[in-house]
Each structure stands twice: as C-alpha cells, then as structure tokens.
Protein backbone atom coordinates (compact mmCIF):
# COMPACT_ATOMS: atom_id res chain seq x y z
CA MET A 1 17.45 -11.42 -2.37
CA PHE A 2 19.98 -12.92 -4.79
CA ALA A 3 22.30 -14.03 -1.98
CA ARG A 4 19.44 -16.01 -0.43
CA ALA A 5 18.41 -17.46 -3.79
CA VAL A 6 21.95 -18.79 -4.43
CA ASP A 7 21.53 -21.02 -1.38
CA GLU A 8 17.90 -21.94 -1.96
CA SER A 9 17.35 -22.24 -5.73
CA GLN A 10 18.22 -25.54 -7.39
CA ALA A 11 18.04 -23.84 -10.80
CA ILE A 12 20.78 -21.40 -9.77
CA LYS A 13 22.89 -24.16 -8.22
CA ASP A 14 22.64 -26.21 -11.43
CA SER A 15 23.56 -23.24 -13.62
CA LEU A 16 26.72 -22.59 -11.62
CA LYS A 17 28.10 -26.15 -11.76
CA ASP A 18 30.49 -25.31 -14.60
CA VAL A 19 30.97 -21.65 -13.70
CA VAL A 20 33.36 -19.98 -11.28
CA PHE A 21 31.22 -17.47 -9.41
CA LEU A 22 32.93 -14.49 -7.74
CA ASN A 23 31.23 -11.79 -5.71
CA ASN A 24 32.78 -8.34 -6.11
CA ASN A 25 32.07 -5.42 -3.77
CA CYS A 26 32.40 -2.49 -6.16
CA GLU A 27 32.78 0.08 -3.39
CA VAL A 28 35.64 -1.41 -1.36
CA GLY A 29 39.35 -2.00 -2.02
CA GLU A 30 40.26 -3.79 -5.25
CA GLY A 31 36.56 -4.08 -6.05
CA ILE A 32 36.55 -0.40 -7.04
CA GLU A 33 39.15 -0.99 -9.77
CA VAL A 34 37.36 -4.12 -10.98
CA ALA A 35 34.14 -2.11 -11.30
CA LYS A 36 35.98 0.57 -13.30
CA LYS A 37 37.57 -2.01 -15.59
CA TYR A 38 34.21 -3.53 -16.48
CA ASN A 39 32.28 -0.25 -16.46
CA VAL A 40 29.88 -1.34 -13.72
CA ARG A 41 27.31 1.44 -13.38
CA GLY A 42 24.52 -0.13 -11.36
CA TYR A 43 23.86 -2.92 -8.88
CA PRO A 44 23.58 -5.80 -9.19
CA THR A 45 25.49 -6.24 -12.44
CA PHE A 46 26.48 -9.74 -13.54
CA ILE A 47 29.39 -10.22 -15.95
CA MET A 48 30.69 -13.43 -17.53
CA VAL A 49 34.28 -13.37 -18.76
CA ASN A 50 36.52 -15.80 -20.62
CA GLY A 51 39.93 -16.99 -19.51
CA ASP A 52 41.50 -13.73 -20.69
CA GLY A 53 39.11 -11.63 -18.64
CA GLU A 54 37.18 -10.44 -21.71
CA VAL A 55 33.42 -9.95 -21.36
CA SER A 56 31.30 -12.56 -23.12
CA SER A 57 27.94 -11.84 -21.48
CA ALA A 58 26.53 -9.28 -19.06
CA TRP A 59 23.21 -8.21 -17.60
CA ILE A 60 21.95 -5.87 -14.94
CA GLY A 61 19.40 -6.64 -12.27
CA TYR A 62 18.17 -9.88 -10.72
CA PRO A 63 15.12 -11.16 -12.66
CA GLY A 64 14.38 -14.12 -10.38
CA PRO A 65 16.05 -17.54 -10.02
CA GLU A 66 14.73 -19.27 -13.14
CA LYS A 67 15.48 -16.45 -15.54
CA TRP A 68 18.84 -15.68 -13.92
CA ALA A 69 19.86 -19.32 -14.24
CA ALA A 70 18.77 -19.30 -17.90
CA LEU A 71 21.01 -16.28 -18.54
CA VAL A 72 23.98 -18.10 -17.00
CA VAL A 73 23.32 -21.25 -19.02
CA ALA A 74 23.00 -19.23 -22.24
CA GLY A 75 26.21 -17.34 -21.47
CA ASN A 76 28.05 -20.58 -20.73
CA GLN A 77 27.03 -22.00 -24.10
CA ASP A 78 28.64 -19.17 -26.06
CA HIS A 79 31.99 -17.93 -24.79
CA ARG A 80 32.62 -15.51 -27.64
CA THR A 81 33.32 -11.94 -26.57
CA VAL A 82 30.66 -9.28 -26.97
CA ALA A 83 32.65 -7.80 -29.85
CA GLU A 84 32.81 -11.20 -31.57
CA LYS A 85 29.09 -11.71 -31.06
CA LYS A 86 28.38 -8.37 -32.74
CA VAL A 87 30.37 -9.42 -35.78
CA ALA A 88 28.53 -12.75 -35.88
CA PHE A 89 25.19 -10.97 -35.52
CA GLU A 90 25.92 -8.78 -38.53
CA GLY A 91 26.59 -11.92 -40.54
CA GLU A 92 23.58 -13.89 -39.31
CA ALA A 93 21.14 -12.47 -36.77
CA THR A 94 19.71 -14.99 -34.30
CA LYS A 95 17.41 -14.46 -31.34
CA GLU A 96 20.08 -15.86 -29.01
CA LEU A 97 22.66 -13.34 -30.18
CA ALA A 98 20.09 -10.53 -30.15
CA CYS A 99 19.16 -11.25 -26.52
CA SER A 100 22.78 -11.59 -25.40
CA LEU A 101 23.78 -8.32 -27.06
CA ALA A 102 20.68 -6.58 -25.73
CA ASN A 103 21.47 -7.56 -22.15
CA SER A 104 25.12 -6.55 -22.54
CA ALA A 105 24.05 -3.16 -23.89
CA ALA A 106 21.68 -2.63 -20.97
CA ALA A 107 24.45 -3.51 -18.50
CA ASN A 108 26.45 -0.66 -20.08
CA TYR A 109 23.43 1.67 -19.81
CA ASP A 110 23.10 1.81 -23.60
CA PHE A 111 19.34 1.38 -23.40
CA ALA A 112 18.66 2.51 -26.97
CA GLU A 113 20.89 -0.25 -28.34
CA ALA A 114 19.32 -2.76 -25.95
CA VAL A 115 15.86 -1.87 -27.25
CA ASN A 116 16.97 -2.30 -30.86
CA PHE A 117 18.39 -5.76 -30.16
CA PHE A 118 15.28 -6.87 -28.25
CA ARG A 119 13.10 -5.66 -31.12
CA THR A 120 15.15 -7.79 -33.49
CA ALA A 121 14.71 -10.76 -31.16
CA ARG A 122 10.95 -10.17 -31.23
CA GLU A 123 10.94 -10.12 -35.02
CA LEU A 124 12.98 -13.33 -35.17
CA ASN A 125 10.92 -15.10 -32.53
CA PRO A 126 7.28 -13.88 -32.48
CA ALA A 127 6.40 -16.61 -29.98
CA GLY A 128 8.49 -14.76 -27.38
CA SER A 129 6.84 -11.43 -28.15
CA ARG A 130 5.41 -10.96 -24.66
CA GLU A 131 8.76 -11.35 -22.90
CA TYR A 132 10.68 -9.25 -25.44
CA THR A 133 8.13 -6.44 -25.25
CA SER A 134 8.46 -6.41 -21.47
CA GLU A 135 12.25 -6.09 -21.85
CA ILE A 136 11.81 -3.32 -24.41
CA LEU A 137 9.57 -1.29 -22.11
CA THR A 138 11.84 -1.84 -19.12
CA ASN A 139 14.83 -0.52 -21.07
CA MET A 140 12.76 2.38 -22.35
CA TYR A 141 11.79 3.16 -18.76
CA TYR A 142 15.41 3.48 -17.66
CA GLY A 143 16.53 5.09 -20.91
CA SER A 144 13.87 7.78 -20.68
CA ARG A 145 15.63 9.20 -17.63
CA GLY A 146 18.52 10.20 -19.85
CA GLY A 147 16.32 11.35 -22.71
CA ALA A 148 16.96 8.31 -24.91
CA PHE A 149 13.27 7.94 -25.76
CA THR A 150 10.36 10.28 -26.33
CA LEU A 151 7.00 9.72 -24.70
CA GLU A 152 5.56 9.07 -28.16
CA GLU A 153 8.02 6.21 -28.71
CA ILE A 154 7.21 4.78 -25.31
CA THR A 155 3.43 4.93 -25.70
CA LYS A 156 3.69 3.32 -29.14
CA GLU A 157 5.35 0.31 -27.53
CA ALA A 158 2.84 0.39 -24.67
CA ASP A 159 0.00 0.35 -27.22
CA PHE A 160 1.50 -2.85 -28.61
CA VAL A 161 1.02 -4.53 -25.22
CA MET A 162 -2.46 -3.17 -24.63
CA ALA A 163 -3.64 -4.40 -28.04
CA SER A 164 -1.95 -7.81 -27.92
CA LYS A 165 -4.13 -10.85 -27.28
CA GLN A 166 -1.16 -12.40 -25.47
CA SER A 167 -1.18 -9.66 -22.83
CA THR A 168 -2.62 -10.55 -19.44
CA ALA A 169 -4.24 -8.15 -16.99
CA GLU A 170 -1.00 -8.25 -15.01
CA ASP A 171 0.98 -7.28 -18.12
CA LYS A 172 -1.33 -4.29 -18.62
CA ILE A 173 -0.91 -3.23 -15.00
CA ASP A 174 2.89 -3.39 -15.34
CA VAL A 175 2.79 -1.34 -18.54
CA ALA A 176 0.42 1.24 -17.06
CA MET A 177 2.73 1.68 -14.06
CA MET A 178 5.76 2.13 -16.31
CA VAL A 179 4.00 4.62 -18.57
CA ARG A 180 2.76 6.47 -15.51
CA GLY A 181 6.31 6.76 -14.14
CA MET A 182 7.78 7.91 -17.44
CA ALA A 183 4.95 10.35 -18.16
CA ALA A 184 5.34 11.89 -14.69
CA GLN A 185 9.07 12.22 -15.20
CA MET A 186 8.45 14.07 -18.48
CA GLY A 187 5.80 16.33 -16.98
CA GLN A 188 3.04 14.76 -19.06
CA LEU A 189 1.21 12.69 -16.46
CA GLU A 190 -2.17 13.11 -18.15
CA SER A 191 -0.84 10.97 -21.01
CA ALA A 192 -0.91 7.95 -18.70
CA ILE A 193 -4.68 8.09 -18.10
CA PRO A 194 -5.73 5.76 -21.00
CA TYR A 195 -3.24 3.10 -19.83
CA ILE A 196 -4.30 3.37 -16.19
CA SER A 197 -7.96 3.11 -17.19
CA GLU A 198 -7.39 0.12 -19.49
CA ALA A 199 -5.32 -1.74 -16.89
CA LEU A 200 -7.94 -1.23 -14.18
CA LYS A 201 -10.69 -2.37 -16.53
CA ALA A 202 -8.75 -5.49 -17.57
CA SER A 203 -7.99 -6.49 -13.96
CA GLU A 204 -11.37 -5.69 -12.43
CA GLY A 205 -12.56 -8.40 -10.06
CA GLN A 206 -9.22 -10.26 -10.00
CA GLU A 207 -8.50 -10.45 -6.29
CA GLU A 208 -5.00 -11.81 -6.83
CA LEU A 209 -4.13 -8.50 -8.52
CA ALA A 210 -5.69 -6.28 -5.84
CA GLU A 211 -2.34 -5.20 -4.43
CA SER A 212 -0.94 -4.45 -7.90
CA ARG A 213 -4.05 -2.45 -8.78
CA MET A 214 -3.82 -0.24 -5.71
CA GLY A 215 -1.23 2.16 -7.11
CA LEU A 216 -3.25 2.65 -10.28
CA GLU A 217 -6.44 3.19 -8.29
CA ILE A 218 -4.66 5.96 -6.41
CA ASP A 219 -3.57 7.54 -9.70
CA TYR A 220 -7.08 7.20 -11.11
CA ALA A 221 -8.54 8.99 -8.10
CA LEU A 222 -6.07 11.83 -8.62
CA LEU A 223 -6.07 12.13 -12.41
CA VAL A 224 -9.59 11.12 -13.42
CA ASP A 225 -11.81 11.54 -10.38
CA LYS A 226 -9.85 14.64 -9.26
CA ASP A 227 -10.61 13.47 -5.71
CA THR A 228 -7.55 14.09 -3.52
CA ASP A 229 -9.32 12.89 -0.36
CA LYS A 230 -10.08 9.54 -2.01
CA ALA A 231 -6.52 9.26 -3.31
CA LEU A 232 -5.10 10.02 0.13
CA LYS A 233 -7.34 7.41 1.74
CA LEU A 234 -6.25 4.80 -0.81
CA LYS A 235 -2.59 5.75 -0.33
CA ARG A 236 -2.85 5.20 3.42
CA LYS A 237 -4.55 1.87 2.80
CA SER A 238 -1.69 0.79 0.53
CA MET A 239 0.95 1.36 3.21
CA ASP A 240 2.31 -1.58 5.20
CA GLU A 241 1.30 -2.04 8.81
CA GLY A 242 3.53 -0.02 11.14
CA TRP A 243 4.61 2.37 8.38
CA GLN A 244 4.36 5.38 10.68
CA ASP A 245 7.32 4.01 12.67
CA ASP A 246 9.44 3.22 9.61
CA PRO A 247 11.62 6.16 8.44
CA GLY A 248 11.80 4.89 4.86
CA ALA A 249 8.02 4.48 4.64
CA LEU A 250 7.46 7.87 6.22
CA ASN A 251 9.75 9.44 3.63
CA ASN A 252 8.01 7.63 0.76
CA PHE A 253 4.58 8.77 1.94
CA ALA A 254 5.76 12.34 2.43
CA TRP A 255 7.38 12.40 -1.00
CA TRP A 256 4.17 11.10 -2.60
CA CYS A 257 2.28 13.95 -0.95
CA PHE A 258 4.85 16.44 -2.24
CA GLU A 259 4.77 15.07 -5.79
CA ASN A 260 0.99 15.31 -5.91
CA GLY A 261 0.62 18.56 -3.94
CA VAL A 262 -1.67 17.08 -1.29
CA ASN A 263 -1.64 16.89 2.50
CA LEU A 264 1.54 18.95 2.76
CA GLU A 265 1.26 19.96 6.42
CA GLU A 266 1.03 16.38 7.62
CA ALA A 267 3.61 15.27 5.04
CA LYS A 268 6.12 17.69 6.52
CA ALA A 269 5.44 16.44 10.05
CA LEU A 270 5.81 12.82 8.96
CA ALA A 271 9.05 13.54 7.12
CA LEU A 272 10.52 15.20 10.20
CA ARG A 273 9.45 12.20 12.27
CA GLY A 274 11.30 10.06 9.75
CA VAL A 275 14.43 12.15 10.30
CA GLU A 276 14.21 11.49 14.05
CA LEU A 277 13.75 7.75 13.56
CA ALA A 278 16.37 7.25 10.83
CA PRO A 279 19.35 5.31 12.25
CA GLU A 280 21.93 6.53 9.73
CA VAL A 281 23.02 10.06 8.81
CA GLY A 282 22.70 9.34 5.10
CA GLN A 283 19.05 8.44 5.48
CA LYS A 284 18.47 11.47 7.70
CA ALA A 285 19.89 13.71 4.97
CA ASN A 286 17.71 12.07 2.34
CA ILE A 287 14.53 12.62 4.36
CA LEU A 288 15.54 16.19 5.17
CA ASP A 289 15.68 16.81 1.44
CA THR A 290 12.06 15.64 1.19
CA ALA A 291 11.04 17.90 4.06
CA ALA A 292 12.82 20.85 2.43
CA GLU A 293 10.99 20.31 -0.86
CA ILE A 294 7.70 20.22 1.02
CA CYS A 295 8.50 23.45 2.87
CA ASN A 296 9.42 25.14 -0.39
CA ALA A 297 6.13 23.97 -1.92
CA MET A 298 4.37 25.55 1.07
CA ASP A 299 6.24 28.81 0.36
CA ASP A 300 8.33 28.50 3.52
CA CYS A 301 11.66 29.10 1.79
CA GLN A 302 13.49 29.95 5.01
CA GLU A 303 12.76 26.59 6.60
CA ALA A 304 13.61 24.82 3.35
CA VAL A 305 17.08 26.42 3.51
CA GLU A 306 17.51 25.49 7.18
CA LEU A 307 16.55 21.87 6.54
CA MET A 308 18.94 21.58 3.61
CA ARG A 309 21.75 23.00 5.71
CA GLN A 310 21.14 20.15 8.15
CA ALA A 311 21.20 17.67 5.26
CA VAL A 312 24.56 19.05 4.12
CA GLU A 313 25.90 18.70 7.65
CA TYR A 314 24.88 15.06 7.71
CA SER A 315 26.27 14.29 4.24
CA PRO A 316 28.87 16.98 3.38
CA ASP A 317 30.32 14.91 0.52
CA ARG A 318 27.09 14.61 -1.44
CA ASP A 319 27.13 17.22 -4.21
CA TYR A 320 23.38 16.78 -4.67
CA TYR A 321 22.61 18.30 -1.27
CA GLN A 322 24.93 21.22 -1.93
CA THR A 323 23.05 21.83 -5.19
CA GLN A 324 19.71 21.62 -3.40
CA LEU A 325 20.88 24.08 -0.77
CA ALA A 326 22.02 26.54 -3.43
CA LYS A 327 18.64 26.19 -5.15
CA PHE A 328 16.65 26.99 -2.03
CA GLU A 329 18.98 29.83 -1.04
CA SER A 330 18.46 31.35 -4.49
CA ILE A 331 14.68 31.04 -4.14
CA LEU A 332 14.79 32.64 -0.68
CA LYS A 333 17.00 35.49 -1.90
CA GLU A 334 14.69 36.17 -4.84
CA LYS A 335 11.70 36.17 -2.51
CA ASN A 336 13.35 38.56 -0.05
CA ASP A 337 14.57 40.86 -2.82
CA GLY A 338 11.21 40.85 -4.55
C-alpha cells in the first residue's frame, strides 16, 4: 500500500523533496543489522536520522498519505535527536514535541509512554482532542497485549470518546471494535456490550457505515441476542465473494468459529480445505494450527496432535508450533491417563 502511495500521492512526493528516502528490508543481508541497530520491532517502521545516524523521529505503521506526509514534514522541521527532544520537553512542553515523542515511543513498543505523551498533547491542544484520543486508544490496544493497560483504564478512555460531542458514529464504531478486541483478549468480552450497543445506535441508518457496522452486528447477535444462527448468517454475509476458495479467508472464518464456539464441524472442514489450497508451507502450518485448535475444542485430542505434527513438519523452525504440539500432546496424555 505504501509503495503504491509513494508513486501516486503528491503529498508524499512533496514531503520527500528535502529528504533522502531509503527502503530497508529488515530480514535480508545488511538490513538485519540495520534493524537491530534501530530496534525495529514491527513493520512498517519509519525512522528519520540526522547526519550522524542518530534518530530524530520515528513512527510505526502507515496512516495514509496525508498523515504520513505530515509526519515527514514535522520531522524535517526539527532535527534534534529524540534524547534532545525529551530534554526540551521537560523544559517546555509543546504539542509538537509531545506528538513526536509519542510516536517515537510507539515505534519502540513503549506504548505506555506513547499514551502519556499523547495525553499531554491533548491537554495542550484541546482542538485536536479527537485525533489524540484515537492515538491513545490505538496505543492502548497494542499495549494491552503485553499487559501495559488494564481493561478499566481502556474503558475509561473509551468512555471519553462515547461522551464527546466531537465523536462521530464512525469514531464510536472504531472504539467499540477496539474495546471488543481488547476485552476478548482479556477474557472479559461481556464488558464490550455497552460500546457495541452505543456504536450501533449512533450509526443506525447510515448506509455508508454498513460495512463497518457488520462486525459489531455479528458481536451483538452473539453477546446480546445470544443467537448463534443469526451471528453465523451475518458472518457469512460479511465475507468477500469467493472466500471459500481463498485459504486466508477460510482460515479466518474457521478461527472465528473456534473463538466463538460455533459451527465447529464445518469450521474444521473449511480449515482443512484451506490447508489444501494454501500455496506456501508457512500458510499451511498456520491453518493447521487453527484446525488443531478446533479439533481440541471438539474433544478430538488425537487429531489435534496429528494436525500439529503436520504443522511442525511444514515449519520446523517455528517454536510456536512446537509449543502447540507439546500442549496438545499433554492434553491427550492426560485424557488417556484419566
């Protein structure tokens, strides 16, 4: 997406006029050492350096051409290193410094620090509250995976969006989806119900948001209506045309069934079809992992073990699959011994 935008976006072209842009493949040759030097932990990561190779600005992810170009322009206006910017910020906090330091922290996966800087930016510039709050929630979303934030902290920020007069129906949908993902990850999915309900209410009748609403409608059918047949019907409707011949889509559908404990027999069959269609061994192993989880959920521990053994054969260097295999073997042993 970014590679195409570089050629097509005038905003990006203009932002790069006074910048030397280098593309680094972090997984090949010298690119591996460059990635280590700058602590690159996710893709895509963008880093601006001065003439001495010291980091002055950094951010992770591609937010679209206009915003990306704005980040480059801002970085090119202040060549101080991140360390120097922190010293300056302690002396006089500005929204520009707060945003720069927040993005640099996020690029280093320090999501708690990123949130603190974005909150300061919001305090300094209330007019930008909507954008800063979105950044705060996004960083909370990723930080929650490592336990950086509690669900209470996350919902408090989400409540800020839901109550704000600046928030649009689309904003509320985005927040509901994030809260839903984080609540599910923490095993507290029911906590997402008020946000799902509010987002659906706010966006009702807005045809342009119909596609965005679909995921929440599926969740509502599961969590509020307790109607798995309705949820399954909506899930099928949400899938792209031809999904049953796409190994990635088959895997996603099967995993959704597994996560929600519905339609497991068909989910297993679809996952195995995905394994057959997958062109690469890595993808085959990934889908086999899904199929194994489904079999285990169906109390077929033996087949779960057999499927994971196949996954290990396809990707012997992936420690994750070895761990999964050991898990299912332990479950099978306990079942047989019991």
